[in-house]
Amino acid sequence: MTTKKRFIEEIEQDLQRAKNRLKDVQDRGNAAISQYDLDMGYDADFYLRKCPMLQCHVSHYQHELEEATQCGVQQSLFA
């Protein structure tokens, strides 16, 4: 299985988006869930407890970032 190599910045952005989404649902509950999802029966409780997909996204990106930086991060020469 071949996986696409991603820039650390991409992973960090995805991780931050996942954290923001999780916090939004934790803070605002069903108000943060789309009407479509609510109509289909997927409310905040579903995403936070029954199927903790949002937390899984955060965990996935954290693991991906750890893998990408396990040998350290090279500083940019031309910032």
PDB file of N, CA and C in Angstrom:
ATOM      1  N   MET A   1       0.834  -1.171   0.000  1.00  0.00           N
ATOM      2  CA  MET A   1       0.000   0.000   0.000  1.00  0.00           C
ATOM      3  C   MET A   1       0.883   1.240   0.000  1.00  0.00           C
ATOM      4  N   THR A   2       0.685   2.105  -0.934  1.00  0.00           N
ATOM      5  CA  THR A   2       1.461   3.328  -1.030  1.00  0.00           C
ATOM      6  C   THR A   2       0.675   4.486  -0.432  1.00  0.00           C
ATOM      7  N   THR A   3       1.335   5.225   0.432  1.00  0.00           N
ATOM      8  CA  THR A   3       0.684   6.392   1.009  1.00  0.00           C
ATOM      9  C   THR A   3       1.374   7.640   0.505  1.00  0.00           C
ATOM     10  N   LYS A   4       0.594   8.675   0.328  1.00  0.00           N
ATOM     11  CA  LYS A   4       1.116   9.943  -0.161  1.00  0.00           C
ATOM     12  C   LYS A   4       1.868  10.636   0.972  1.00  0.00           C
ATOM     13  N   LYS A   5       3.065  11.089   0.687  1.00  0.00           N
ATOM     14  CA  LYS A   5       3.823  11.865   1.665  1.00  0.00           C
ATOM     15  C   LYS A   5       3.213  13.252   1.742  1.00  0.00           C
ATOM     16  N   ARG A   6       3.039  13.740   2.958  1.00  0.00           N
ATOM     17  CA  ARG A   6       2.429  15.057   3.141  1.00  0.00           C
ATOM     18  C   ARG A   6       3.400  15.960   3.880  1.00  0.00           C
ATOM     19  N   PHE A   7       3.308  17.242   3.600  1.00  0.00           N
ATOM     20  CA  PHE A   7       4.123  18.211   4.303  1.00  0.00           C
ATOM     21  C   PHE A   7       3.642  18.322   5.745  1.00  0.00           C
ATOM     22  N   ILE A   8       4.562  18.587   6.639  1.00  0.00           N
ATOM     23  CA  ILE A   8       4.234  18.734   8.050  1.00  0.00           C
ATOM     24  C   ILE A   8       3.204  19.842   8.241  1.00  0.00           C
ATOM     25  N   GLU A   9       3.332  20.912   7.474  1.00  0.00           N
ATOM     26  CA  GLU A   9       2.379  22.020   7.582  1.00  0.00           C
ATOM     27  C   GLU A   9       0.954  21.565   7.261  1.00  0.00           C
ATOM     28  N   GLU A  10       0.815  20.684   6.278  1.00  0.00           N
ATOM     29  CA  GLU A  10      -0.512  20.148   5.923  1.00  0.00           C
ATOM     30  C   GLU A  10      -1.097  19.355   7.082  1.00  0.00           C
ATOM     31  N   ILE A  11      -0.264  18.527   7.670  1.00  0.00           N
ATOM     32  CA  ILE A  11      -0.714  17.695   8.787  1.00  0.00           C
ATOM     33  C   ILE A  11      -1.106  18.577   9.964  1.00  0.00           C
ATOM     34  N   GLU A  12      -0.284  19.590  10.252  1.00  0.00           N
ATOM     35  CA  GLU A  12      -0.592  20.501  11.355  1.00  0.00           C
ATOM     36  C   GLU A  12      -1.908  21.236  11.113  1.00  0.00           C
ATOM     37  N   GLN A  13      -2.144  21.645   9.876  1.00  0.00           N
ATOM     38  CA  GLN A  13      -3.407  22.319   9.551  1.00  0.00           C
ATOM     39  C   GLN A  13      -4.595  21.385   9.744  1.00  0.00           C
ATOM     40  N   ASP A  14      -4.465  20.156   9.268  1.00  0.00           N
ATOM     41  CA  ASP A  14      -5.547  19.177   9.437  1.00  0.00           C
ATOM     42  C   ASP A  14      -5.795  18.892  10.917  1.00  0.00           C
ATOM     43  N   LEU A  15      -4.715  18.778  11.691  1.00  0.00           N
ATOM     44  CA  LEU A  15      -4.844  18.542  13.125  1.00  0.00           C
ATOM     45  C   LEU A  15      -5.566  19.704  13.796  1.00  0.00           C
ATOM     46  N   GLN A  16      -5.200  20.921  13.451  1.00  0.00           N
ATOM     47  CA  GLN A  16      -5.852  22.079  14.055  1.00  0.00           C
ATOM     48  C   GLN A  16      -7.323  22.150  13.683  1.00  0.00           C
ATOM     49  N   ARG A  17      -7.643  21.863  12.414  1.00  0.00           N
ATOM     50  CA  ARG A  17      -9.055  21.852  11.983  1.00  0.00           C
ATOM     51  C   ARG A  17      -9.843  20.795  12.751  1.00  0.00           C
ATOM     52  N   ALA A  18      -9.247  19.612  12.925  1.00  0.00           N
ATOM     53  CA  ALA A  18      -9.922  18.530  13.650  1.00  0.00           C
ATOM     54  C   ALA A  18     -10.154  18.920  15.111  1.00  0.00           C
ATOM     55  N   LYS A  19      -9.159  19.553  15.726  1.00  0.00           N
ATOM     56  CA  LYS A  19      -9.310  20.000  17.113  1.00  0.00           C
ATOM     57  C   LYS A  19     -10.394  21.071  17.220  1.00  0.00           C
ATOM     58  N   ASN A  20     -10.393  22.002  16.267  1.00  0.00           N
ATOM     59  CA  ASN A  20     -11.404  23.064  16.278  1.00  0.00           C
ATOM     60  C   ASN A  20     -12.804  22.489  16.116  1.00  0.00           C
ATOM     61  N   ARG A  21     -12.957  21.522  15.230  1.00  0.00           N
ATOM     62  CA  ARG A  21     -14.265  20.906  14.992  1.00  0.00           C
ATOM     63  C   ARG A  21     -14.746  20.170  16.240  1.00  0.00           C
ATOM     64  N   LEU A  22     -13.858  19.409  16.847  1.00  0.00           N
ATOM     65  CA  LEU A  22     -14.207  18.684  18.072  1.00  0.00           C
ATOM     66  C   LEU A  22     -14.628  19.662  19.168  1.00  0.00           C
ATOM     67  N   LYS A  23     -13.854  20.709  19.369  1.00  0.00           N
ATOM     68  CA  LYS A  23     -14.190  21.699  20.403  1.00  0.00           C
ATOM     69  C   LYS A  23     -15.510  22.381  20.096  1.00  0.00           C
ATOM     70  N   ASP A  24     -15.760  22.683  18.825  1.00  0.00           N
ATOM     71  CA  ASP A  24     -17.007  23.325  18.436  1.00  0.00           C
ATOM     72  C   ASP A  24     -18.208  22.452  18.810  1.00  0.00           C
ATOM     73  N   VAL A  25     -18.122  21.168  18.515  1.00  0.00           N
ATOM     74  CA  VAL A  25     -19.232  20.257  18.838  1.00  0.00           C
ATOM     75  C   VAL A  25     -19.351  20.083  20.349  1.00  0.00           C
ATOM     76  N   GLN A  26     -18.222  20.030  21.051  1.00  0.00           N
ATOM     77  CA  GLN A  26     -18.280  19.930  22.512  1.00  0.00           C
ATOM     78  C   GLN A  26     -18.918  21.174  23.118  1.00  0.00           C
ATOM     79  N   ASP A  27     -18.577  22.340  22.589  1.00  0.00           N
ATOM     80  CA  ASP A  27     -19.076  23.603  23.143  1.00  0.00           C
ATOM     81  C   ASP A  27     -20.513  23.897  22.741  1.00  0.00           C
ATOM     82  N   ARG A  28     -20.831  23.701  21.465  1.00  0.00           N
ATOM     83  CA  ARG A  28     -22.147  24.120  20.967  1.00  0.00           C
ATOM     84  C   ARG A  28     -23.137  22.981  20.795  1.00  0.00           C
ATOM     85  N   GLY A  29     -22.685  21.749  20.918  1.00  0.00           N
ATOM     86  CA  GLY A  29     -23.600  20.612  20.803  1.00  0.00           C
ATOM     87  C   GLY A  29     -24.257  20.540  19.433  1.00  0.00           C
ATOM     88  N   ASN A  30     -25.559  20.291  19.423  1.00  0.00           N
ATOM     89  CA  ASN A  30     -26.289  20.112  18.165  1.00  0.00           C
ATOM     90  C   ASN A  30     -26.266  21.338  17.263  1.00  0.00           C
ATOM     91  N   ALA A  31     -26.024  22.511  17.827  1.00  0.00           N
ATOM     92  CA  ALA A  31     -25.952  23.723  17.001  1.00  0.00           C
ATOM     93  C   ALA A  31     -24.761  23.671  16.046  1.00  0.00           C
ATOM     94  N   ALA A  32     -23.770  22.846  16.347  1.00  0.00           N
ATOM     95  CA  ALA A  32     -22.592  22.712  15.489  1.00  0.00           C
ATOM     96  C   ALA A  32     -22.760  21.622  14.428  1.00  0.00           C
ATOM     97  N   ILE A  33     -23.857  20.905  14.493  1.00  0.00           N
ATOM     98  CA  ILE A  33     -24.107  19.791  13.563  1.00  0.00           C
ATOM     99  C   ILE A  33     -25.014  20.283  12.443  1.00  0.00           C
ATOM    100  N   SER A  34     -24.721  19.828  11.223  1.00  0.00           N
ATOM    101  CA  SER A  34     -25.541  20.256  10.083  1.00  0.00           C
ATOM    102  C   SER A  34     -26.969  19.724  10.218  1.00  0.00           C
ATOM    103  N   GLN A  35     -27.889  20.437   9.630  1.00  0.00           N
ATOM    104  CA  GLN A  35     -29.289  20.012   9.672  1.00  0.00           C
ATOM    105  C   GLN A  35     -29.457  18.658   8.990  1.00  0.00           C
ATOM    106  N   TYR A  36     -28.702  18.430   7.934  1.00  0.00           N
ATOM    107  CA  TYR A  36     -28.760  17.146   7.232  1.00  0.00           C
ATOM    108  C   TYR A  36     -28.398  16.001   8.189  1.00  0.00           C
ATOM    109  N   ASP A  37     -27.271  16.163   8.911  1.00  0.00           N
ATOM    110  CA  ASP A  37     -26.872  15.118   9.855  1.00  0.00           C
ATOM    111  C   ASP A  37     -27.918  14.931  10.947  1.00  0.00           C
ATOM    112  N   LEU A  38     -28.445  16.034  11.453  1.00  0.00           N
ATOM    113  CA  LEU A  38     -29.479  15.930  12.482  1.00  0.00           C
ATOM    114  C   LEU A  38     -30.700  15.195  11.949  1.00  0.00           C
ATOM    115  N   ASP A  39     -31.115  15.503  10.711  1.00  0.00           N
ATOM    116  CA  ASP A  39     -32.257  14.817  10.092  1.00  0.00           C
ATOM    117  C   ASP A  39     -32.007  13.322   9.936  1.00  0.00           C
ATOM    118  N   MET A  40     -30.741  12.948   9.739  1.00  0.00           N
ATOM    119  CA  MET A  40     -30.390  11.541   9.578  1.00  0.00           C
ATOM    120  C   MET A  40     -30.177  10.837  10.924  1.00  0.00           C
ATOM    121  N   GLY A  41     -30.300  11.595  12.018  1.00  0.00           N
ATOM    122  CA  GLY A  41     -30.176  11.002  13.346  1.00  0.00           C
ATOM    123  C   GLY A  41     -28.790  11.107  13.954  1.00  0.00           C
ATOM    124  N   TYR A  42     -27.906  11.835  13.316  1.00  0.00           N
ATOM    125  CA  TYR A  42     -26.537  11.980  13.814  1.00  0.00           C
ATOM    126  C   TYR A  42     -26.409  13.305  14.560  1.00  0.00           C
ATOM    127  N   ASP A  43     -26.591  13.257  15.873  1.00  0.00           N
ATOM    128  CA  ASP A  43     -26.512  14.467  16.682  1.00  0.00           C
ATOM    129  C   ASP A  43     -25.151  14.541  17.374  1.00  0.00           C
ATOM    130  N   ALA A  44     -24.971  15.558  18.208  1.00  0.00           N
ATOM    131  CA  ALA A  44     -23.696  15.754  18.898  1.00  0.00           C
ATOM    132  C   ALA A  44     -23.348  14.540  19.762  1.00  0.00           C
ATOM    133  N   ASP A  45     -24.336  13.977  20.436  1.00  0.00           N
ATOM    134  CA  ASP A  45     -24.097  12.799  21.267  1.00  0.00           C
ATOM    135  C   ASP A  45     -23.533  11.650  20.432  1.00  0.00           C
ATOM    136  N   PHE A  46     -24.054  11.493  19.230  1.00  0.00           N
ATOM    137  CA  PHE A  46     -23.556  10.438  18.342  1.00  0.00           C
ATOM    138  C   PHE A  46     -22.078  10.655  18.039  1.00  0.00           C
ATOM    139  N   TYR A  47     -21.713  11.876  17.640  1.00  0.00           N
ATOM    140  CA  TYR A  47     -20.329  12.158  17.243  1.00  0.00           C
ATOM    141  C   TYR A  47     -19.361  12.197  18.416  1.00  0.00           C
ATOM    142  N   LEU A  48     -19.853  12.464  19.610  1.00  0.00           N
ATOM    143  CA  LEU A  48     -18.960  12.561  20.768  1.00  0.00           C
ATOM    144  C   LEU A  48     -18.896  11.278  21.585  1.00  0.00           C
ATOM    145  N   ARG A  49     -19.975  10.479  21.592  1.00  0.00           N
ATOM    146  CA  ARG A  49     -20.010   9.323  22.477  1.00  0.00           C
ATOM    147  C   ARG A  49     -20.255   7.989  21.772  1.00  0.00           C
ATOM    148  N   LYS A  50     -21.279   7.922  20.954  1.00  0.00           N
ATOM    149  CA  LYS A  50     -21.632   6.648  20.325  1.00  0.00           C
ATOM    150  C   LYS A  50     -20.621   6.241  19.269  1.00  0.00           C
ATOM    151  N   CYS A  51     -20.179   7.177  18.488  1.00  0.00           N
ATOM    152  CA  CYS A  51     -19.185   6.943  17.428  1.00  0.00           C
ATOM    153  C   CYS A  51     -18.219   8.123  17.467  1.00  0.00           C
ATOM    154  N   PRO A  52     -17.233   8.077  18.342  1.00  0.00           N
ATOM    155  CA  PRO A  52     -16.383   9.258  18.569  1.00  0.00           C
ATOM    156  C   PRO A  52     -15.455   9.575  17.399  1.00  0.00           C
ATOM    157  N   MET A  53     -16.068   9.781  16.241  1.00  0.00           N
ATOM    158  CA  MET A  53     -15.314  10.024  15.015  1.00  0.00           C
ATOM    159  C   MET A  53     -14.456  11.279  15.106  1.00  0.00           C
ATOM    160  N   LEU A  54     -14.977  12.335  15.722  1.00  0.00           N
ATOM    161  CA  LEU A  54     -14.224  13.591  15.784  1.00  0.00           C
ATOM    162  C   LEU A  54     -12.949  13.423  16.591  1.00  0.00           C
ATOM    163  N   GLN A  55     -13.017  12.702  17.707  1.00  0.00           N
ATOM    164  CA  GLN A  55     -11.823  12.436  18.507  1.00  0.00           C
ATOM    165  C   GLN A  55     -10.861  11.525  17.745  1.00  0.00           C
ATOM    166  N   CYS A  56     -11.397  10.614  16.969  1.00  0.00           N
ATOM    167  CA  CYS A  56     -10.549   9.729  16.158  1.00  0.00           C
ATOM    168  C   CYS A  56      -9.773  10.533  15.114  1.00  0.00           C
ATOM    169  N   HIS A  57     -10.393  11.557  14.537  1.00  0.00           N
ATOM    170  CA  HIS A  57      -9.689  12.410  13.579  1.00  0.00           C
ATOM    171  C   HIS A  57      -8.510  13.100  14.253  1.00  0.00           C
ATOM    172  N   VAL A  58      -8.737  13.642  15.442  1.00  0.00           N
ATOM    173  CA  VAL A  58      -7.664  14.306  16.182  1.00  0.00           C
ATOM    174  C   VAL A  58      -6.537  13.308  16.460  1.00  0.00           C
ATOM    175  N   SER A  59      -6.876  12.137  16.948  1.00  0.00           N
ATOM    176  CA  SER A  59      -5.873  11.112  17.257  1.00  0.00           C
ATOM    177  C   SER A  59      -5.094  10.711  16.015  1.00  0.00           C
ATOM    178  N   HIS A  60      -5.787  10.566  14.904  1.00  0.00           N
ATOM    179  CA  HIS A  60      -5.133  10.174  13.650  1.00  0.00           C
ATOM    180  C   HIS A  60      -4.098  11.210  13.229  1.00  0.00           C
ATOM    181  N   TYR A  61      -4.492  12.480  13.231  1.00  0.00           N
ATOM    182  CA  TYR A  61      -3.560  13.529  12.792  1.00  0.00           C
ATOM    183  C   TYR A  61      -2.421  13.711  13.786  1.00  0.00           C
ATOM    184  N   GLN A  62      -2.678  13.521  15.078  1.00  0.00           N
ATOM    185  CA  GLN A  62      -1.597  13.594  16.058  1.00  0.00           C
ATOM    186  C   GLN A  62      -0.574  12.488  15.799  1.00  0.00           C
ATOM    187  N   HIS A  63      -1.071  11.291  15.526  1.00  0.00           N
ATOM    188  CA  HIS A  63      -0.181  10.164  15.237  1.00  0.00           C
ATOM    189  C   HIS A  63       0.598  10.424  13.941  1.00  0.00           C
ATOM    190  N   GLU A  64      -0.091  10.934  12.926  1.00  0.00           N
ATOM    191  CA  GLU A  64       0.579  11.228  11.657  1.00  0.00           C
ATOM    192  C   GLU A  64       1.673  12.278  11.847  1.00  0.00           C
ATOM    193  N   LEU A  65       1.400  13.294  12.666  1.00  0.00           N
ATOM    194  CA  LEU A  65       2.391  14.337  12.936  1.00  0.00           C
ATOM    195  C   LEU A  65       3.579  13.770  13.703  1.00  0.00           C
ATOM    196  N   GLU A  66       3.312  12.914  14.674  1.00  0.00           N
ATOM    197  CA  GLU A  66       4.403  12.271  15.429  1.00  0.00           C
ATOM    198  C   GLU A  66       5.280  11.435  14.502  1.00  0.00           C
ATOM    199  N   GLU A  67       4.658  10.699  13.595  1.00  0.00           N
ATOM    200  CA  GLU A  67       5.413   9.891  12.637  1.00  0.00           C
ATOM    201  C   GLU A  67       6.275  10.774  11.737  1.00  0.00           C
ATOM    202  N   ALA A  68       5.697  11.888  11.283  1.00  0.00           N
ATOM    203  CA  ALA A  68       6.398  12.769  10.357  1.00  0.00           C
ATOM    204  C   ALA A  68       7.550  13.506  11.025  1.00  0.00           C
ATOM    205  N   THR A  69       7.471  13.695  12.331  1.00  0.00           N
ATOM    206  CA  THR A  69       8.501  14.469  13.028  1.00  0.00           C
ATOM    207  C   THR A  69       9.362  13.624  13.961  1.00  0.00           C
ATOM    208  N   GLN A  70       9.282  12.315  13.876  1.00  0.00           N
ATOM    209  CA  GLN A  70      10.009  11.471  14.818  1.00  0.00           C
ATOM    210  C   GLN A  70      11.516  11.638  14.685  1.00  0.00           C
ATOM    211  N   CYS A  71      12.002  12.062  13.558  1.00  0.00           N
ATOM    212  CA  CYS A  71      13.434  12.281  13.381  1.00  0.00           C
ATOM    213  C   CYS A  71      13.791  13.760  13.508  1.00  0.00           C
ATOM    214  N   GLY A  72      12.858  14.547  13.972  1.00  0.00           N
ATOM    215  CA  GLY A  72      13.099  15.968  14.110  1.00  0.00           C
ATOM    216  C   GLY A  72      12.553  16.728  12.921  1.00  0.00           C
ATOM    217  N   VAL A  73      12.520  18.023  13.043  1.00  0.00           N
ATOM    218  CA  VAL A  73      12.001  18.877  11.993  1.00  0.00           C
ATOM    219  C   VAL A  73      13.139  19.769  11.522  1.00  0.00           C
ATOM    220  N   GLN A  74      13.394  19.727  10.225  1.00  0.00           N
ATOM    221  CA  GLN A  74      14.437  20.577   9.664  1.00  0.00           C
ATOM    222  C   GLN A  74      13.911  21.996   9.531  1.00  0.00           C
ATOM    223  N   GLN A  75      14.680  22.929  10.007  1.00  0.00           N
ATOM    224  CA  GLN A  75      14.301  24.334   9.884  1.00  0.00           C
ATOM    225  C   GLN A  75      14.517  24.805   8.463  1.00  0.00           C
ATOM    226  N   SER A  76      13.674  25.678   8.028  1.00  0.00           N
ATOM    227  CA  SER A  76      13.772  26.232   6.685  1.00  0.00           C
ATOM    228  C   SER A  76      14.994  27.136   6.599  1.00  0.00           C
ATOM    229  N   LEU A  77      15.742  27.016   5.517  1.00  0.00           N
ATOM    230  CA  LEU A  77      16.910  27.851   5.334  1.00  0.00           C
ATOM    231  C   LEU A  77      16.529  29.247   4.849  1.00  0.00           C
ATOM    232  N   PHE A  78      15.424  29.321   4.133  1.00  0.00           N
ATOM    233  CA  PHE A  78      14.995  30.585   3.550  1.00  0.00           C
ATOM    234  C   PHE A  78      13.591  30.902   4.020  1.00  0.00           C
ATOM    235  N   ALA A  79      13.472  31.443   5.186  1.00  0.00           N
ATOM    236  CA  ALA A  79      12.162  31.734   5.742  1.00  0.00           C
ATOM    237  C   ALA A  79      11.715  33.131   5.407  1.00  0.00           C
TER     238      ALA A  79
END
